[in-house]
């Protein structure tokens, strides 16, 4: 479907499930607005404004083609840790990206955006039990020194998880908790 360059405002539900939607000038997803973007679909506009209270729900690999200001929520957390959202234009905003992350096998959702994102706010839906994993890239396109925040990563326990930036990638890292390994070493020395 093509919109002919007109502005589009959504405060209800827009389903982009069976066909791509393109040719929009400015796309405003206002409070209460829900955009369901299906697997393999592309939504194209010159500029997207996902405003406070607006939600983009991503099901499968999908593309937002155009500049994207996320001040609402991008929800990829559906229990399937395998989705990739590609954003083709400048990406900004203080909104949340909700992602699935499986700590048993490292499978995860991921957002790919052009380099230059200054704030990345992630809310993880944790799947699986904890294990020591290599760095897992969950967001690509962060500007050097970007502000990073997260909700949902486990706190404490034998394995520590943290959000880190490496070049333009935001990744989840894991390491053995030194407090736990210290207790184990002390116990072994006491028993000797």
C-alpha atoms as a PDB file:
ATOM      1  CA  UNK A   1       0.000   0.000   0.000  1.00  0.00           C
ATOM      2  CA  UNK A   2       1.251   3.524  -0.734  1.00  0.00           C
ATOM      3  CA  UNK A   3       0.186   6.728   1.023  1.00  0.00           C
ATOM      4  CA  UNK A   4       1.302   9.240  -1.594  1.00  0.00           C
ATOM      5  CA  UNK A   5       3.496  11.291   0.757  1.00  0.00           C
ATOM      6  CA  UNK A   6       0.690  12.291   3.118  1.00  0.00           C
ATOM      7  CA  UNK A   7       1.054  12.606   6.881  1.00  0.00           C
ATOM      8  CA  UNK A   8      -0.428   9.789   8.930  1.00  0.00           C
ATOM      9  CA  UNK A   9      -1.462   9.909  12.606  1.00  0.00           C
ATOM     10  CA  UNK A  10      -2.306   6.750  14.532  1.00  0.00           C
ATOM     11  CA  UNK A  11      -4.016   6.633  17.921  1.00  0.00           C
ATOM     12  CA  UNK A  12      -5.678   3.243  17.388  1.00  0.00           C
ATOM     13  CA  UNK A  13      -4.315   0.020  15.909  1.00  0.00           C
ATOM     14  CA  UNK A  14      -2.521  -0.244  12.575  1.00  0.00           C
ATOM     15  CA  UNK A  15      -1.711  -3.745  11.301  1.00  0.00           C
ATOM     16  CA  UNK A  16       1.084  -4.036   8.754  1.00  0.00           C
ATOM     17  CA  UNK A  17       0.951  -7.825   8.584  1.00  0.00           C
ATOM     18  CA  UNK A  18       0.275  -9.011   5.036  1.00  0.00           C
ATOM     19  CA  UNK A  19       1.725  -6.197   2.900  1.00  0.00           C
ATOM     20  CA  UNK A  20       4.278  -3.398   3.158  1.00  0.00           C
ATOM     21  CA  UNK A  21       3.076   0.180   3.657  1.00  0.00           C
ATOM     22  CA  UNK A  22       5.062   3.007   2.057  1.00  0.00           C
ATOM     23  CA  UNK A  23       5.028   6.577   0.824  1.00  0.00           C
ATOM     24  CA  UNK A  24       4.079   8.217   4.123  1.00  0.00           C
ATOM     25  CA  UNK A  25       5.388  11.719   4.837  1.00  0.00           C
ATOM     26  CA  UNK A  26       5.378  12.087   8.638  1.00  0.00           C
ATOM     27  CA  UNK A  27       4.053   9.139  10.637  1.00  0.00           C
ATOM     28  CA  UNK A  28       2.937   9.980  14.190  1.00  0.00           C
ATOM     29  CA  UNK A  29       2.084   7.104  16.514  1.00  0.00           C
ATOM     30  CA  UNK A  30       0.404   8.860  19.426  1.00  0.00           C
ATOM     31  CA  UNK A  31      -0.452   7.760  22.964  1.00  0.00           C
ATOM     32  CA  UNK A  32      -2.579   4.623  22.805  1.00  0.00           C
ATOM     33  CA  UNK A  33      -1.489   3.949  19.229  1.00  0.00           C
ATOM     34  CA  UNK A  34      -0.303   0.432  18.408  1.00  0.00           C
ATOM     35  CA  UNK A  35       1.486  -0.471  15.187  1.00  0.00           C
ATOM     36  CA  UNK A  36       1.760  -4.221  14.576  1.00  0.00           C
ATOM     37  CA  UNK A  37       4.623  -4.807  12.124  1.00  0.00           C
ATOM     38  CA  UNK A  38       4.656  -8.395  10.897  1.00  0.00           C
ATOM     39  CA  UNK A  39       7.466 -10.709   9.859  1.00  0.00           C
ATOM     40  CA  UNK A  40       9.149  -9.676   6.634  1.00  0.00           C
ATOM     41  CA  UNK A  41       7.210  -6.383   6.466  1.00  0.00           C
ATOM     42  CA  UNK A  42       8.530  -2.879   5.798  1.00  0.00           C
ATOM     43  CA  UNK A  43       6.878   0.347   6.942  1.00  0.00           C
ATOM     44  CA  UNK A  44       8.238   3.395   5.072  1.00  0.00           C
ATOM     45  CA  UNK A  45       7.910   7.088   5.931  1.00  0.00           C
ATOM     46  CA  UNK A  46      10.114  10.142   5.726  1.00  0.00           C
ATOM     47  CA  UNK A  47       9.891  10.528   9.517  1.00  0.00           C
ATOM     48  CA  UNK A  48       8.436   8.353  12.272  1.00  0.00           C
ATOM     49  CA  UNK A  49       7.476   9.777  15.663  1.00  0.00           C
ATOM     50  CA  UNK A  50       6.629   7.030  18.128  1.00  0.00           C
ATOM     51  CA  UNK A  51       5.332   9.359  20.822  1.00  0.00           C
ATOM     52  CA  UNK A  52       5.024   8.774  24.581  1.00  0.00           C
ATOM     53  CA  UNK A  53       2.398   6.063  25.096  1.00  0.00           C
ATOM     54  CA  UNK A  54       2.756   4.782  21.511  1.00  0.00           C
ATOM     55  CA  UNK A  55       3.860   1.201  20.794  1.00  0.00           C
ATOM     56  CA  UNK A  56       5.380  -0.558  17.802  1.00  0.00           C
ATOM     57  CA  UNK A  57       4.958  -4.348  18.157  1.00  0.00           C
ATOM     58  CA  UNK A  58       7.480  -6.254  16.039  1.00  0.00           C
ATOM     59  CA  UNK A  59       6.741  -9.874  15.092  1.00  0.00           C
ATOM     60  CA  UNK A  60       9.669 -11.481  13.276  1.00  0.00           C
ATOM     61  CA  UNK A  61      12.288  -9.696  11.196  1.00  0.00           C
ATOM     62  CA  UNK A  62      10.938  -6.324  10.049  1.00  0.00           C
ATOM     63  CA  UNK A  63      12.089  -2.947   8.739  1.00  0.00           C
ATOM     64  CA  UNK A  64      11.233   0.631   9.632  1.00  0.00           C
ATOM     65  CA  UNK A  65      12.446   2.641   6.639  1.00  0.00           C
ATOM     66  CA  UNK A  66      12.940   6.310   7.525  1.00  0.00           C
ATOM     67  CA  UNK A  67      14.100   8.505  10.406  1.00  0.00           C
ATOM     68  CA  UNK A  68      12.741   7.044  13.658  1.00  0.00           C
ATOM     69  CA  UNK A  69      12.220   9.005  16.900  1.00  0.00           C
ATOM     70  CA  UNK A  70      11.223   6.497  19.573  1.00  0.00           C
ATOM     71  CA  UNK A  71       9.811   8.166  22.668  1.00  0.00           C
ATOM     72  CA  UNK A  72       7.364   5.346  23.331  1.00  0.00           C
ATOM     73  CA  UNK A  73       7.908   1.581  23.246  1.00  0.00           C
ATOM     74  CA  UNK A  74       9.195  -0.831  20.621  1.00  0.00           C
ATOM     75  CA  UNK A  75       8.002  -4.265  21.767  1.00  0.00           C
ATOM     76  CA  UNK A  76       9.861  -7.291  20.419  1.00  0.00           C
ATOM     77  CA  UNK A  77       9.442  -9.338  23.631  1.00  0.00           C
ATOM     78  CA  UNK A  78       7.132 -12.132  22.517  1.00  0.00           C
ATOM     79  CA  UNK A  79       9.028 -15.119  23.949  1.00  0.00           C
ATOM     80  CA  UNK A  80      10.836 -15.896  20.665  1.00  0.00           C
ATOM     81  CA  UNK A  81      14.416 -14.651  21.001  1.00  0.00           C
ATOM     82  CA  UNK A  82      15.195 -14.464  17.278  1.00  0.00           C
ATOM     83  CA  UNK A  83      13.824 -11.221  15.834  1.00  0.00           C
ATOM     84  CA  UNK A  84      15.754  -8.437  14.110  1.00  0.00           C
ATOM     85  CA  UNK A  85      14.370  -4.925  13.636  1.00  0.00           C
ATOM     86  CA  UNK A  86      16.224  -2.875  11.028  1.00  0.00           C
ATOM     87  CA  UNK A  87      15.811   0.907  11.126  1.00  0.00           C
ATOM     88  CA  UNK A  88      17.180   2.575   7.994  1.00  0.00           C
ATOM     89  CA  UNK A  89      17.109   6.240   9.021  1.00  0.00           C
ATOM     90  CA  UNK A  90      18.526   8.389  11.809  1.00  0.00           C
ATOM     91  CA  UNK A  91      17.331   6.943  15.120  1.00  0.00           C
ATOM     92  CA  UNK A  92      16.711   9.029  18.238  1.00  0.00           C
ATOM     93  CA  UNK A  93      14.494   9.366  21.298  1.00  0.00           C
ATOM     94  CA  UNK A  94      14.319   8.289  24.914  1.00  0.00           C
ATOM     95  CA  UNK A  95      11.889   5.389  24.452  1.00  0.00           C
ATOM     96  CA  UNK A  96      12.257   1.752  25.446  1.00  0.00           C
ATOM     97  CA  UNK A  97      13.158  -1.246  23.267  1.00  0.00           C
ATOM     98  CA  UNK A  98      11.773  -4.456  24.794  1.00  0.00           C
ATOM     99  CA  UNK A  99      13.815  -7.497  23.760  1.00  0.00           C
ATOM    100  CA  UNK A 100      13.864 -11.237  24.445  1.00  0.00           C
ATOM    101  CA  UNK A 101      17.179 -12.640  25.732  1.00  0.00           C
ATOM    102  CA  UNK A 102      17.779 -16.339  26.388  1.00  0.00           C
ATOM    103  CA  UNK A 103      20.532 -16.827  28.962  1.00  0.00           C
ATOM    104  CA  UNK A 104      20.744 -20.585  28.326  1.00  0.00           C
ATOM    105  CA  UNK A 105      21.812 -20.464  24.681  1.00  0.00           C
ATOM    106  CA  UNK A 106      22.452 -16.759  23.941  1.00  0.00           C
ATOM    107  CA  UNK A 107      19.615 -16.383  21.436  1.00  0.00           C
ATOM    108  CA  UNK A 108      18.217 -12.849  21.419  1.00  0.00           C
ATOM    109  CA  UNK A 109      16.313 -10.106  19.651  1.00  0.00           C
ATOM    110  CA  UNK A 110      18.329  -7.317  18.055  1.00  0.00           C
ATOM    111  CA  UNK A 111      17.873  -3.763  16.753  1.00  0.00           C
ATOM    112  CA  UNK A 112      20.077  -2.520  13.886  1.00  0.00           C
ATOM    113  CA  UNK A 113      20.129   1.246  13.311  1.00  0.00           C
ATOM    114  CA  UNK A 114      22.513   3.660  11.590  1.00  0.00           C
ATOM    115  CA  UNK A 115      25.403   4.854  13.762  1.00  0.00           C
ATOM    116  CA  UNK A 116      24.531   7.959  15.763  1.00  0.00           C
ATOM    117  CA  UNK A 117      22.011   6.785  18.383  1.00  0.00           C
ATOM    118  CA  UNK A 118      22.750   8.759  21.553  1.00  0.00           C
ATOM    119  CA  UNK A 119      20.429   6.937  23.992  1.00  0.00           C
ATOM    120  CA  UNK A 120      19.666   3.214  24.170  1.00  0.00           C
ATOM    121  CA  UNK A 121      17.103   2.111  26.772  1.00  0.00           C
ATOM    122  CA  UNK A 122      16.484  -1.647  26.882  1.00  0.00           C
ATOM    123  CA  UNK A 123      13.970  -3.740  28.825  1.00  0.00           C
ATOM    124  CA  UNK A 124      14.788  -7.465  28.681  1.00  0.00           C
ATOM    125  CA  UNK A 125      12.344 -10.352  28.809  1.00  0.00           C
ATOM    126  CA  UNK A 126      14.594 -13.049  30.268  1.00  0.00           C
ATOM    127  CA  UNK A 127      14.313 -16.591  28.966  1.00  0.00           C
ATOM    128  CA  UNK A 128      16.267 -19.665  30.056  1.00  0.00           C
ATOM    129  CA  UNK A 129      18.570 -20.081  33.023  1.00  0.00           C
ATOM    130  CA  UNK A 130      21.860 -18.288  33.416  1.00  0.00           C
ATOM    131  CA  UNK A 131      25.100 -19.405  31.835  1.00  0.00           C
ATOM    132  CA  UNK A 132      28.414 -17.785  30.998  1.00  0.00           C
ATOM    133  CA  UNK A 133      28.100 -16.431  27.442  1.00  0.00           C
ATOM    134  CA  UNK A 134      30.283 -14.397  25.115  1.00  0.00           C
ATOM    135  CA  UNK A 135      29.232 -10.807  24.377  1.00  0.00           C
ATOM    136  CA  UNK A 136      25.743 -10.705  22.824  1.00  0.00           C
ATOM    137  CA  UNK A 137      25.051  -7.724  20.523  1.00  0.00           C
ATOM    138  CA  UNK A 138      21.469  -6.562  21.153  1.00  0.00           C
ATOM    139  CA  UNK A 139      21.594  -3.077  19.584  1.00  0.00           C
ATOM    140  CA  UNK A 140      23.816  -1.834  16.785  1.00  0.00           C
ATOM    141  CA  UNK A 141      24.207   1.845  15.862  1.00  0.00           C
ATOM    142  CA  UNK A 142      25.063   3.516  19.171  1.00  0.00           C
ATOM    143  CA  UNK A 143      27.202   6.629  19.017  1.00  0.00           C
ATOM    144  CA  UNK A 144      30.440   6.499  21.041  1.00  0.00           C
ATOM    145  CA  UNK A 145      29.642   7.271  24.678  1.00  0.00           C
ATOM    146  CA  UNK A 146      25.895   6.752  24.252  1.00  0.00           C
ATOM    147  CA  UNK A 147      23.685   6.704  27.350  1.00  0.00           C
ATOM    148  CA  UNK A 148      22.778   3.058  28.083  1.00  0.00           C
ATOM    149  CA  UNK A 149      20.140   1.808  30.518  1.00  0.00           C
ATOM    150  CA  UNK A 150      18.551  -1.572  31.061  1.00  0.00           C
ATOM    151  CA  UNK A 151      15.873  -3.351  33.032  1.00  0.00           C
ATOM    152  CA  UNK A 152      15.554  -7.090  33.441  1.00  0.00           C
ATOM    153  CA  UNK A 153      19.124  -8.426  33.548  1.00  0.00           C
ATOM    154  CA  UNK A 154      19.610 -10.713  36.568  1.00  0.00           C
ATOM    155  CA  UNK A 155      21.302  -9.161  39.581  1.00  0.00           C
ATOM    156  CA  UNK A 156      23.636 -11.176  41.824  1.00  0.00           C
ATOM    157  CA  UNK A 157      24.120 -14.914  41.630  1.00  0.00           C
ATOM    158  CA  UNK A 158      27.083 -16.896  40.307  1.00  0.00           C
ATOM    159  CA  UNK A 159      27.089 -15.058  36.970  1.00  0.00           C
ATOM    160  CA  UNK A 160      26.995 -11.286  36.627  1.00  0.00           C
ATOM    161  CA  UNK A 161      25.391  -9.703  33.557  1.00  0.00           C
ATOM    162  CA  UNK A 162      26.008  -6.174  32.353  1.00  0.00           C
ATOM    163  CA  UNK A 163      25.199  -3.860  29.483  1.00  0.00           C
ATOM    164  CA  UNK A 164      28.324  -2.675  27.681  1.00  0.00           C
ATOM    165  CA  UNK A 165      29.246  -0.681  24.603  1.00  0.00           C
ATOM    166  CA  UNK A 166      31.888  -1.884  22.168  1.00  0.00           C
ATOM    167  CA  UNK A 167      32.382   0.544  19.298  1.00  0.00           C
ATOM    168  CA  UNK A 168      28.846   1.081  17.931  1.00  0.00           C
ATOM    169  CA  UNK A 169      27.384  -2.087  19.422  1.00  0.00           C
ATOM    170  CA  UNK A 170      25.505  -2.406  22.688  1.00  0.00           C
ATOM    171  CA  UNK A 171      25.999  -5.857  24.113  1.00  0.00           C
ATOM    172  CA  UNK A 172      25.210  -7.986  27.120  1.00  0.00           C
ATOM    173  CA  UNK A 173      28.322  -9.342  28.775  1.00  0.00           C
ATOM    174  CA  UNK A 174      28.643 -11.984  31.454  1.00  0.00           C
ATOM    175  CA  UNK A 175      31.325 -12.851  33.979  1.00  0.00           C
ATOM    176  CA  UNK A 176      31.761 -15.068  36.997  1.00  0.00           C
ATOM    177  CA  UNK A 177      30.817 -13.268  40.188  1.00  0.00           C
ATOM    178  CA  UNK A 178      34.104 -12.783  42.111  1.00  0.00           C
ATOM    179  CA  UNK A 179      32.212 -12.930  45.419  1.00  0.00           C
ATOM    180  CA  UNK A 180      30.909 -16.412  44.583  1.00  0.00           C
ATOM    181  CA  UNK A 181      34.265 -17.679  43.278  1.00  0.00           C
ATOM    182  CA  UNK A 182      35.942 -16.208  46.402  1.00  0.00           C
ATOM    183  CA  UNK A 183      33.546 -18.095  48.701  1.00  0.00           C
ATOM    184  CA  UNK A 184      34.217 -21.334  46.808  1.00  0.00           C
ATOM    185  CA  UNK A 185      37.992 -20.818  47.049  1.00  0.00           C
ATOM    186  CA  UNK A 186      37.711 -20.098  50.799  1.00  0.00           C
ATOM    187  CA  UNK A 187      35.624 -23.200  51.360  1.00  0.00           C
ATOM    188  CA  UNK A 188      38.174 -25.320  49.466  1.00  0.00           C
ATOM    189  CA  UNK A 189      41.048 -23.907  51.568  1.00  0.00           C
ATOM    190  CA  UNK A 190      39.141 -24.518  54.823  1.00  0.00           C
ATOM    191  CA  UNK A 191      38.548 -28.161  53.927  1.00  0.00           C
ATOM    192  CA  UNK A 192      42.250 -28.801  53.109  1.00  0.00           C
END
